[in-house]
Amino acid sequence: MSSSPYPAPPACIDPRLGAQATQSLGLPPPATVAAHLAICASCRLQRAAFAGLDAHAVPPSPALRAHLRRLALRRLAAP
């Protein structure tokens, strides 16, 4: 296995609060998690990466949506 040319991301300083920060992605964090985010570079990096996902989201094409709809209808009609 080759090593990555990129540096490893920083490790979370408190895994318990880091897990709570992960669970609260997309939501306002509780006060204890907010305090953790203020000092933990790893969790701030994760939160920033998650926040940027919506900017790159692409809506499905009409053809894909029609295909998925047909699949769902077939499954509903199957005995």
C-alpha atoms as a PDB file:
ATOM      1  CA  MET A   1       0.000   0.000   0.000  1.00  0.00           C
ATOM      2  CA  SER A   2       1.460   3.358  -0.976  1.00  0.00           C
ATOM      3  CA  SER A   3       1.528   6.218   1.430  1.00  0.00           C
ATOM      4  CA  SER A   4      -0.556   9.286   0.688  1.00  0.00           C
ATOM      5  CA  PRO A   5       1.220  12.492  -0.342  1.00  0.00           C
ATOM      6  CA  TYR A   6      -1.264  14.403   1.817  1.00  0.00           C
ATOM      7  CA  PRO A   7      -0.778  14.895   5.551  1.00  0.00           C
ATOM      8  CA  ALA A   8      -3.029  12.910   7.879  1.00  0.00           C
ATOM      9  CA  PRO A   9      -5.953  14.892   9.310  1.00  0.00           C
ATOM     10  CA  PRO A  10      -5.577  15.900  12.934  1.00  0.00           C
ATOM     11  CA  ALA A  11      -6.963  13.527  15.552  1.00  0.00           C
ATOM     12  CA  CYS A  12      -9.871  14.533  17.770  1.00  0.00           C
ATOM     13  CA  ILE A  13      -8.778  15.594  21.250  1.00  0.00           C
ATOM     14  CA  ASP A  14     -11.860  14.079  22.948  1.00  0.00           C
ATOM     15  CA  PRO A  15     -13.439  11.139  21.068  1.00  0.00           C
ATOM     16  CA  ARG A  16     -16.635  11.226  23.149  1.00  0.00           C
ATOM     17  CA  LEU A  17     -17.336  14.868  22.288  1.00  0.00           C
ATOM     18  CA  GLY A  18     -16.096  14.235  18.755  1.00  0.00           C
ATOM     19  CA  ALA A  19     -18.775  11.558  18.340  1.00  0.00           C
ATOM     20  CA  GLN A  20     -21.409  13.999  19.591  1.00  0.00           C
ATOM     21  CA  ALA A  21     -20.112  16.591  17.121  1.00  0.00           C
ATOM     22  CA  THR A  22     -20.469  14.055  14.297  1.00  0.00           C
ATOM     23  CA  GLN A  23     -24.025  13.225  15.372  1.00  0.00           C
ATOM     24  CA  SER A  24     -24.949  16.912  15.367  1.00  0.00           C
ATOM     25  CA  LEU A  25     -23.715  17.609  11.819  1.00  0.00           C
ATOM     26  CA  GLY A  26     -26.224  19.806  10.040  1.00  0.00           C
ATOM     27  CA  LEU A  27     -27.747  20.955  13.336  1.00  0.00           C
ATOM     28  CA  PRO A  28     -26.787  23.643  15.828  1.00  0.00           C
ATOM     29  CA  PRO A  29     -24.420  21.904  18.259  1.00  0.00           C
ATOM     30  CA  PRO A  30     -25.186  21.665  21.995  1.00  0.00           C
ATOM     31  CA  ALA A  31     -23.173  23.990  24.239  1.00  0.00           C
ATOM     32  CA  THR A  32     -20.648  21.329  25.299  1.00  0.00           C
ATOM     33  CA  VAL A  33     -20.050  20.333  21.676  1.00  0.00           C
ATOM     34  CA  ALA A  34     -19.761  23.981  20.617  1.00  0.00           C
ATOM     35  CA  ALA A  35     -17.050  24.489  23.229  1.00  0.00           C
ATOM     36  CA  HIS A  36     -15.283  21.375  21.935  1.00  0.00           C
ATOM     37  CA  LEU A  37     -15.510  22.633  18.343  1.00  0.00           C
ATOM     38  CA  ALA A  38     -13.838  25.865  19.413  1.00  0.00           C
ATOM     39  CA  ILE A  39     -10.643  24.005  20.368  1.00  0.00           C
ATOM     40  CA  CYS A  40     -10.632  20.792  18.274  1.00  0.00           C
ATOM     41  CA  ALA A  41      -9.169  21.233  14.796  1.00  0.00           C
ATOM     42  CA  SER A  42     -10.280  17.758  13.680  1.00  0.00           C
ATOM     43  CA  CYS A  43     -13.940  18.326  14.464  1.00  0.00           C
ATOM     44  CA  ARG A  44     -13.892  21.823  12.935  1.00  0.00           C
ATOM     45  CA  LEU A  45     -12.410  20.345   9.752  1.00  0.00           C
ATOM     46  CA  GLN A  46     -15.117  17.649   9.630  1.00  0.00           C
ATOM     47  CA  ARG A  47     -17.874  20.209  10.203  1.00  0.00           C
ATOM     48  CA  ALA A  48     -16.506  22.502   7.477  1.00  0.00           C
ATOM     49  CA  ALA A  49     -16.340  19.616   5.008  1.00  0.00           C
ATOM     50  CA  PHE A  50     -19.937  18.629   5.782  1.00  0.00           C
ATOM     51  CA  ALA A  51     -21.170  22.212   5.454  1.00  0.00           C
ATOM     52  CA  GLY A  52     -19.727  22.428   1.946  1.00  0.00           C
ATOM     53  CA  LEU A  53     -21.534  19.322   0.648  1.00  0.00           C
ATOM     54  CA  ASP A  54     -24.771  21.128  -0.208  1.00  0.00           C
ATOM     55  CA  ALA A  55     -22.932  23.512  -2.493  1.00  0.00           C
ATOM     56  CA  HIS A  56     -21.901  20.568  -4.689  1.00  0.00           C
ATOM     57  CA  ALA A  57     -25.177  18.639  -4.675  1.00  0.00           C
ATOM     58  CA  VAL A  58     -26.658  17.940  -8.086  1.00  0.00           C
ATOM     59  CA  PRO A  59     -30.370  17.222  -8.426  1.00  0.00           C
ATOM     60  CA  PRO A  60     -31.161  13.924 -10.142  1.00  0.00           C
ATOM     61  CA  SER A  61     -32.044  14.113 -13.816  1.00  0.00           C
ATOM     62  CA  PRO A  62     -35.681  13.737 -14.861  1.00  0.00           C
ATOM     63  CA  ALA A  63     -34.786  10.457 -16.591  1.00  0.00           C
ATOM     64  CA  LEU A  64     -33.288   9.019 -13.393  1.00  0.00           C
ATOM     65  CA  ARG A  65     -36.269  10.162 -11.339  1.00  0.00           C
ATOM     66  CA  ALA A  66     -38.673   8.542 -13.830  1.00  0.00           C
ATOM     67  CA  HIS A  67     -36.648   5.312 -13.747  1.00  0.00           C
ATOM     68  CA  LEU A  68     -36.676   5.212  -9.943  1.00  0.00           C
ATOM     69  CA  ARG A  69     -40.409   5.933  -9.925  1.00  0.00           C
ATOM     70  CA  ARG A  70     -41.045   3.025 -12.337  1.00  0.00           C
ATOM     71  CA  LEU A  71     -38.954   0.705 -10.151  1.00  0.00           C
ATOM     72  CA  ALA A  72     -40.891   1.716  -7.056  1.00  0.00           C
ATOM     73  CA  LEU A  73     -44.226   1.205  -8.812  1.00  0.00           C
ATOM     74  CA  ARG A  74     -43.153  -2.272  -9.989  1.00  0.00           C
ATOM     75  CA  ARG A  75     -42.265  -3.244  -6.443  1.00  0.00           C
ATOM     76  CA  LEU A  76     -45.625  -2.002  -5.168  1.00  0.00           C
ATOM     77  CA  ALA A  77     -47.474  -3.980  -7.864  1.00  0.00           C
ATOM     78  CA  ALA A  78     -45.529  -7.200  -7.183  1.00  0.00           C
ATOM     79  CA  PRO A  79     -47.416  -9.708  -4.984  1.00  0.00           C
END
